[in-house]
PDB file of N, CA and C in Angstrom:
ATOM      1  N   MET A   1     -23.907  29.084  -9.025  1.00  0.00           N
ATOM      2  CA  MET A   1     -22.462  29.204  -9.005  1.00  0.00           C
ATOM      3  C   MET A   1     -21.896  28.453 -10.199  1.00  0.00           C
ATOM      4  N   GLU A   2     -20.924  29.049 -10.851  1.00  0.00           N
ATOM      5  CA  GLU A   2     -20.219  28.418 -11.962  1.00  0.00           C
ATOM      6  C   GLU A   2     -18.750  28.236 -11.602  1.00  0.00           C
ATOM      7  N   LEU A   3     -18.221  27.066 -11.936  1.00  0.00           N
ATOM      8  CA  LEU A   3     -16.788  26.786 -11.795  1.00  0.00           C
ATOM      9  C   LEU A   3     -16.245  26.417 -13.161  1.00  0.00           C
ATOM     10  N   TYR A   4     -15.132  27.008 -13.542  1.00  0.00           N
ATOM     11  CA  TYR A   4     -14.523  26.636 -14.813  1.00  0.00           C
ATOM     12  C   TYR A   4     -13.045  27.011 -14.782  1.00  0.00           C
ATOM     13  N   PRO A   5     -12.196  26.358 -15.562  1.00  0.00           N
ATOM     14  CA  PRO A   5     -12.516  25.147 -16.309  1.00  0.00           C
ATOM     15  C   PRO A   5     -12.588  23.946 -15.371  1.00  0.00           C
ATOM     16  N   ASN A   6     -13.331  22.972 -15.748  1.00  0.00           N
ATOM     17  CA  ASN A   6     -13.459  21.751 -14.954  1.00  0.00           C
ATOM     18  C   ASN A   6     -13.487  20.579 -15.923  1.00  0.00           C
ATOM     19  N   PRO A   7     -12.398  19.807 -15.989  1.00  0.00           N
ATOM     20  CA  PRO A   7     -11.242  19.771 -15.089  1.00  0.00           C
ATOM     21  C   PRO A   7     -10.323  20.982 -15.264  1.00  0.00           C
ATOM     22  N   THR A   8      -9.508  21.207 -14.219  1.00  0.00           N
ATOM     23  CA  THR A   8      -8.601  22.350 -14.197  1.00  0.00           C
ATOM     24  C   THR A   8      -7.166  21.892 -13.985  1.00  0.00           C
ATOM     25  N   ASN A   9      -6.232  22.779 -14.314  1.00  0.00           N
ATOM     26  CA  ASN A   9      -4.819  22.506 -14.061  1.00  0.00           C
ATOM     27  C   ASN A   9      -4.288  23.366 -12.918  1.00  0.00           C
ATOM     28  N   ASP A  10      -4.301  24.684 -13.108  1.00  0.00           N
ATOM     29  CA  ASP A  10      -3.684  25.573 -12.125  1.00  0.00           C
ATOM     30  C   ASP A  10      -4.626  26.591 -11.499  1.00  0.00           C
ATOM     31  N   VAL A  11      -5.717  26.936 -12.199  1.00  0.00           N
ATOM     32  CA  VAL A  11      -6.608  27.995 -11.737  1.00  0.00           C
ATOM     33  C   VAL A  11      -8.057  27.582 -11.959  1.00  0.00           C
ATOM     34  N   LEU A  12      -8.897  27.856 -10.965  1.00  0.00           N
ATOM     35  CA  LEU A  12     -10.327  27.581 -11.038  1.00  0.00           C
ATOM     36  C   LEU A  12     -11.060  28.907 -10.854  1.00  0.00           C
ATOM     37  N   TYR A  13     -11.884  29.277 -11.824  1.00  0.00           N
ATOM     38  CA  TYR A  13     -12.628  30.539 -11.758  1.00  0.00           C
ATOM     39  C   TYR A  13     -14.006  30.304 -11.157  1.00  0.00           C
ATOM     40  N   VAL A  14     -14.458  31.258 -10.338  1.00  0.00           N
ATOM     41  CA  VAL A  14     -15.747  31.175  -9.646  1.00  0.00           C
ATOM     42  C   VAL A  14     -16.604  32.356 -10.088  1.00  0.00           C
ATOM     43  N   LYS A  15     -17.816  32.060 -10.583  1.00  0.00           N
ATOM     44  CA  LYS A  15     -18.715  33.129 -11.038  1.00  0.00           C
ATOM     45  C   LYS A  15     -20.110  32.926 -10.463  1.00  0.00           C
ATOM     46  N   ASN A  16     -20.859  34.018 -10.467  1.00  0.00           N
ATOM     47  CA  ASN A  16     -22.267  34.038 -10.050  1.00  0.00           C
ATOM     48  C   ASN A  16     -22.465  33.654  -8.592  1.00  0.00           C
ATOM     49  N   ILE A  17     -21.666  34.272  -7.724  1.00  0.00           N
ATOM     50  CA  ILE A  17     -21.840  34.085  -6.284  1.00  0.00           C
ATOM     51  C   ILE A  17     -22.040  35.453  -5.640  1.00  0.00           C
ATOM     52  N   PRO A  18     -22.783  35.493  -4.528  1.00  0.00           N
ATOM     53  CA  PRO A  18     -22.831  36.743  -3.772  1.00  0.00           C
ATOM     54  C   PRO A  18     -21.458  36.964  -3.141  1.00  0.00           C
ATOM     55  N   THR A  19     -21.057  38.185  -2.992  1.00  0.00           N
ATOM     56  CA  THR A  19     -19.700  38.421  -2.512  1.00  0.00           C
ATOM     57  C   THR A  19     -19.710  39.091  -1.155  1.00  0.00           C
ATOM     58  N   PRO A  20     -18.685  38.887  -0.380  1.00  0.00           N
ATOM     59  CA  PRO A  20     -17.686  37.827  -0.507  1.00  0.00           C
ATOM     60  C   PRO A  20     -18.188  36.538   0.136  1.00  0.00           C
ATOM     61  N   CYS A  21     -17.547  35.432  -0.197  1.00  0.00           N
ATOM     62  CA  CYS A  21     -17.850  34.136   0.407  1.00  0.00           C
ATOM     63  C   CYS A  21     -16.554  33.529   0.930  1.00  0.00           C
ATOM     64  N   SER A  22     -16.646  32.824   2.031  1.00  0.00           N
ATOM     65  CA  SER A  22     -15.493  32.047   2.482  1.00  0.00           C
ATOM     66  C   SER A  22     -15.544  30.702   1.765  1.00  0.00           C
ATOM     67  N   TYR A  23     -14.376  30.129   1.531  1.00  0.00           N
ATOM     68  CA  TYR A  23     -14.348  28.837   0.844  1.00  0.00           C
ATOM     69  C   TYR A  23     -13.437  27.858   1.562  1.00  0.00           C
ATOM     70  N   LYS A  24     -13.739  26.584   1.337  1.00  0.00           N
ATOM     71  CA  LYS A  24     -12.881  25.482   1.752  1.00  0.00           C
ATOM     72  C   LYS A  24     -12.848  24.489   0.606  1.00  0.00           C
ATOM     73  N   ILE A  25     -11.677  23.944   0.345  1.00  0.00           N
ATOM     74  CA  ILE A  25     -11.524  22.886  -0.642  1.00  0.00           C
ATOM     75  C   ILE A  25     -11.178  21.615   0.113  1.00  0.00           C
ATOM     76  N   TYR A  26     -12.010  20.585  -0.078  1.00  0.00           N
ATOM     77  CA  TYR A  26     -11.826  19.297   0.586  1.00  0.00           C
ATOM     78  C   TYR A  26     -11.378  18.253  -0.428  1.00  0.00           C
ATOM     79  N   ASP A  27     -10.485  17.359  -0.002  1.00  0.00           N
ATOM     80  CA  ASP A  27     -10.181  16.208  -0.839  1.00  0.00           C
ATOM     81  C   ASP A  27     -11.253  15.146  -0.603  1.00  0.00           C
ATOM     82  N   MET A  28     -11.170  14.044  -1.291  1.00  0.00           N
ATOM     83  CA  MET A  28     -12.203  13.014  -1.186  1.00  0.00           C
ATOM     84  C   MET A  28     -12.146  12.233   0.124  1.00  0.00           C
ATOM     85  N   TYR A  29     -11.145  12.517   0.946  1.00  0.00           N
ATOM     86  CA  TYR A  29     -11.068  11.907   2.274  1.00  0.00           C
ATOM     87  C   TYR A  29     -11.643  12.827   3.342  1.00  0.00           C
ATOM     88  N   GLY A  30     -12.124  14.013   2.922  1.00  0.00           N
ATOM     89  CA  GLY A  30     -12.710  14.964   3.853  1.00  0.00           C
ATOM     90  C   GLY A  30     -11.708  15.886   4.516  1.00  0.00           C
ATOM     91  N   LYS A  31     -10.462  15.842   4.067  1.00  0.00           N
ATOM     92  CA  LYS A  31      -9.423  16.699   4.633  1.00  0.00           C
ATOM     93  C   LYS A  31      -9.417  18.052   3.913  1.00  0.00           C
ATOM     94  N   VAL A  32      -9.370  19.136   4.688  1.00  0.00           N
ATOM     95  CA  VAL A  32      -9.329  20.482   4.112  1.00  0.00           C
ATOM     96  C   VAL A  32      -7.958  20.717   3.482  1.00  0.00           C
ATOM     97  N   GLN A  33      -7.957  21.076   2.206  1.00  0.00           N
ATOM     98  CA  GLN A  33      -6.716  21.327   1.476  1.00  0.00           C
ATOM     99  C   GLN A  33      -6.410  22.810   1.304  1.00  0.00           C
ATOM    100  N   SER A  34      -7.457  23.651   1.361  1.00  0.00           N
ATOM    101  CA  SER A  34      -7.262  25.082   1.155  1.00  0.00           C
ATOM    102  C   SER A  34      -8.460  25.835   1.718  1.00  0.00           C
ATOM    103  N   THR A  35      -8.212  27.045   2.233  1.00  0.00           N
ATOM    104  CA  THR A  35      -9.291  27.893   2.740  1.00  0.00           C
ATOM    105  C   THR A  35      -9.005  29.336   2.350  1.00  0.00           C
ATOM    106  N   GLY A  36     -10.033  30.152   2.397  1.00  0.00           N
ATOM    107  CA  GLY A  36      -9.841  31.566   2.109  1.00  0.00           C
ATOM    108  C   GLY A  36     -11.154  32.253   1.843  1.00  0.00           C
ATOM    109  N   GLU A  37     -11.057  33.380   1.150  1.00  0.00           N
ATOM    110  CA  GLU A  37     -12.229  34.163   0.792  1.00  0.00           C
ATOM    111  C   GLU A  37     -12.173  34.434  -0.703  1.00  0.00           C
ATOM    112  N   VAL A  38     -13.334  34.397  -1.341  1.00  0.00           N
ATOM    113  CA  VAL A  38     -13.399  34.609  -2.785  1.00  0.00           C
ATOM    114  C   VAL A  38     -14.565  35.535  -3.099  1.00  0.00           C
ATOM    115  N   MET A  39     -14.395  36.312  -4.165  1.00  0.00           N
ATOM    116  CA  MET A  39     -15.451  37.201  -4.632  1.00  0.00           C
ATOM    117  C   MET A  39     -15.854  36.777  -6.041  1.00  0.00           C
ATOM    118  N   ASP A  40     -17.025  37.205  -6.474  1.00  0.00           N
ATOM    119  CA  ASP A  40     -17.530  36.849  -7.795  1.00  0.00           C
ATOM    120  C   ASP A  40     -16.521  37.224  -8.876  1.00  0.00           C
ATOM    121  N   GLY A  41     -16.234  36.279  -9.754  1.00  0.00           N
ATOM    122  CA  GLY A  41     -15.295  36.516 -10.844  1.00  0.00           C
ATOM    123  C   GLY A  41     -13.849  36.269 -10.493  1.00  0.00           C
ATOM    124  N   ASN A  42     -13.551  35.981  -9.238  1.00  0.00           N
ATOM    125  CA  ASN A  42     -12.175  35.714  -8.819  1.00  0.00           C
ATOM    126  C   ASN A  42     -11.759  34.296  -9.187  1.00  0.00           C
ATOM    127  N   SER A  43     -10.487  34.030  -9.016  1.00  0.00           N
ATOM    128  CA  SER A  43      -9.957  32.700  -9.287  1.00  0.00           C
ATOM    129  C   SER A  43      -9.332  32.116  -8.029  1.00  0.00           C
ATOM    130  N   LEU A  44      -9.305  30.801  -7.986  1.00  0.00           N
ATOM    131  CA  LEU A  44      -8.656  30.064  -6.905  1.00  0.00           C
ATOM    132  C   LEU A  44      -7.485  29.307  -7.505  1.00  0.00           C
ATOM    133  N   LYS A  45      -6.326  29.402  -6.872  1.00  0.00           N
ATOM    134  CA  LYS A  45      -5.165  28.659  -7.350  1.00  0.00           C
ATOM    135  C   LYS A  45      -5.310  27.199  -6.945  1.00  0.00           C
ATOM    136  N   THR A  46      -5.099  26.315  -7.901  1.00  0.00           N
ATOM    137  CA  THR A  46      -5.182  24.881  -7.629  1.00  0.00           C
ATOM    138  C   THR A  46      -3.859  24.184  -7.935  1.00  0.00           C
ATOM    139  N   ASN A  47      -2.817  24.957  -8.239  1.00  0.00           N
ATOM    140  CA  ASN A  47      -1.539  24.351  -8.611  1.00  0.00           C
ATOM    141  C   ASN A  47      -0.887  23.582  -7.466  1.00  0.00           C
ATOM    142  N   ASN A  48      -1.296  23.851  -6.220  1.00  0.00           N
ATOM    143  CA  ASN A  48      -0.721  23.140  -5.075  1.00  0.00           C
ATOM    144  C   ASN A  48      -1.447  21.829  -4.776  1.00  0.00           C
ATOM    145  N   LEU A  49      -2.554  21.566  -5.485  1.00  0.00           N
ATOM    146  CA  LEU A  49      -3.320  20.344  -5.257  1.00  0.00           C
ATOM    147  C   LEU A  49      -2.794  19.216  -6.134  1.00  0.00           C
ATOM    148  N   GLN A  50      -2.835  18.000  -5.602  1.00  0.00           N
ATOM    149  CA  GLN A  50      -2.488  16.835  -6.399  1.00  0.00           C
ATOM    150  C   GLN A  50      -3.658  16.496  -7.310  1.00  0.00           C
ATOM    151  N   SER A  51      -3.406  15.726  -8.342  1.00  0.00           N
ATOM    152  CA  SER A  51      -4.469  15.304  -9.249  1.00  0.00           C
ATOM    153  C   SER A  51      -5.528  14.533  -8.482  1.00  0.00           C
ATOM    154  N   GLY A  52      -6.794  14.800  -8.800  1.00  0.00           N
ATOM    155  CA  GLY A  52      -7.881  14.096  -8.130  1.00  0.00           C
ATOM    156  C   GLY A  52      -9.157  14.910  -8.140  1.00  0.00           C
ATOM    157  N   THR A  53     -10.158  14.403  -7.432  1.00  0.00           N
ATOM    158  CA  THR A  53     -11.456  15.057  -7.325  1.00  0.00           C
ATOM    159  C   THR A  53     -11.549  15.771  -5.986  1.00  0.00           C
ATOM    160  N   TYR A  54     -12.081  16.988  -6.008  1.00  0.00           N
ATOM    161  CA  TYR A  54     -12.178  17.828  -4.816  1.00  0.00           C
ATOM    162  C   TYR A  54     -13.578  18.399  -4.689  1.00  0.00           C
ATOM    163  N   LEU A  55     -13.913  18.834  -3.489  1.00  0.00           N
ATOM    164  CA  LEU A  55     -15.186  19.486  -3.216  1.00  0.00           C
ATOM    165  C   LEU A  55     -14.910  20.915  -2.778  1.00  0.00           C
ATOM    166  N   LEU A  56     -15.513  21.875  -3.478  1.00  0.00           N
ATOM    167  CA  LEU A  56     -15.416  23.282  -3.110  1.00  0.00           C
ATOM    168  C   LEU A  56     -16.687  23.656  -2.365  1.00  0.00           C
ATOM    169  N   VAL A  57     -16.532  24.174  -1.151  1.00  0.00           N
ATOM    170  CA  VAL A  57     -17.665  24.614  -0.335  1.00  0.00           C
ATOM    171  C   VAL A  57     -17.548  26.120  -0.149  1.00  0.00           C
ATOM    172  N   LEU A  58     -18.585  26.845  -0.573  1.00  0.00           N
ATOM    173  CA  LEU A  58     -18.647  28.300  -0.405  1.00  0.00           C
ATOM    174  C   LEU A  58     -19.750  28.629   0.579  1.00  0.00           C
ATOM    175  N   GLU A  59     -19.450  29.506   1.529  1.00  0.00           N
ATOM    176  CA  GLU A  59     -20.439  29.932   2.515  1.00  0.00           C
ATOM    177  C   GLU A  59     -20.407  31.445   2.626  1.00  0.00           C
ATOM    178  N   GLY A  60     -21.599  32.037   2.638  1.00  0.00           N
ATOM    179  CA  GLY A  60     -21.724  33.479   2.777  1.00  0.00           C
ATOM    180  C   GLY A  60     -23.050  33.807   3.428  1.00  0.00           C
ATOM    181  N   ASN A  61     -23.482  35.042   3.290  1.00  0.00           N
ATOM    182  CA  ASN A  61     -24.757  35.464   3.865  1.00  0.00           C
ATOM    183  C   ASN A  61     -25.908  34.692   3.233  1.00  0.00           C
ATOM    184  N   ASN A  62     -26.478  33.775   3.989  1.00  0.00           N
ATOM    185  CA  ASN A  62     -27.630  32.982   3.559  1.00  0.00           C
ATOM    186  C   ASN A  62     -27.378  32.144   2.315  1.00  0.00           C
ATOM    187  N   VAL A  63     -26.137  31.826   2.006  1.00  0.00           N
ATOM    188  CA  VAL A  63     -25.830  30.960   0.868  1.00  0.00           C
ATOM    189  C   VAL A  63     -24.863  29.871   1.296  1.00  0.00           C
ATOM    190  N   ASN A  64     -25.013  28.737   0.646  1.00  0.00           N
ATOM    191  CA  ASN A  64     -24.159  27.594   0.917  1.00  0.00           C
ATOM    192  C   ASN A  64     -24.078  26.785  -0.375  1.00  0.00           C
ATOM    193  N   TYR A  65     -22.935  26.832  -1.057  1.00  0.00           N
ATOM    194  CA  TYR A  65     -22.756  26.124  -2.322  1.00  0.00           C
ATOM    195  C   TYR A  65     -21.746  25.006  -2.143  1.00  0.00           C
ATOM    196  N   ARG A  66     -21.995  23.906  -2.848  1.00  0.00           N
ATOM    197  CA  ARG A  66     -21.064  22.781  -2.874  1.00  0.00           C
ATOM    198  C   ARG A  66     -20.958  22.302  -4.316  1.00  0.00           C
ATOM    199  N   ARG A  67     -19.731  22.267  -4.820  1.00  0.00           N
ATOM    200  CA  ARG A  67     -19.497  21.795  -6.184  1.00  0.00           C
ATOM    201  C   ARG A  67     -18.202  20.990  -6.201  1.00  0.00           C
ATOM    202  N   SER A  68     -18.225  19.916  -6.957  1.00  0.00           N
ATOM    203  CA  SER A  68     -17.003  19.127  -7.113  1.00  0.00           C
ATOM    204  C   SER A  68     -16.266  19.589  -8.371  1.00  0.00           C
ATOM    205  N   PHE A  69     -14.959  19.380  -8.364  1.00  0.00           N
ATOM    206  CA  PHE A  69     -14.143  19.670  -9.536  1.00  0.00           C
ATOM    207  C   PHE A  69     -12.982  18.694  -9.577  1.00  0.00           C
ATOM    208  N   VAL A  70     -12.394  18.578 -10.752  1.00  0.00           N
ATOM    209  CA  VAL A  70     -11.283  17.655 -10.967  1.00  0.00           C
ATOM    210  C   VAL A  70     -10.021  18.457 -11.240  1.00  0.00           C
ATOM    211  N   LYS A  71      -8.962  18.116 -10.520  1.00  0.00           N
ATOM    212  CA  LYS A  71      -7.632  18.697 -10.742  1.00  0.00           C
ATOM    213  C   LYS A  71      -6.833  17.694 -11.554  1.00  0.00           C
ATOM    214  N   GLN A  72      -6.345  18.124 -12.711  1.00  0.00           N
ATOM    215  CA  GLN A  72      -5.573  17.219 -13.572  1.00  0.00           C
ATOM    216  C   GLN A  72      -4.114  17.217 -13.187  1.00  0.00           C
TER     217      GLN A  72
END
């Protein structure tokens, strides 16, 4: 899985994932900030997140990805 740009401002692009996957974005306190479904090559809006470090968790058929990213 690829996430870019990292750090990001308003949009985070997700590549090289099996489609579709459900996602959750967690803050560093473990609180869910956003949920939904994403497909390969799609983008996630991050403009509603405050500056900080987050964890993106993607789950799909036999896949489970976890990647951190920084929101500026």
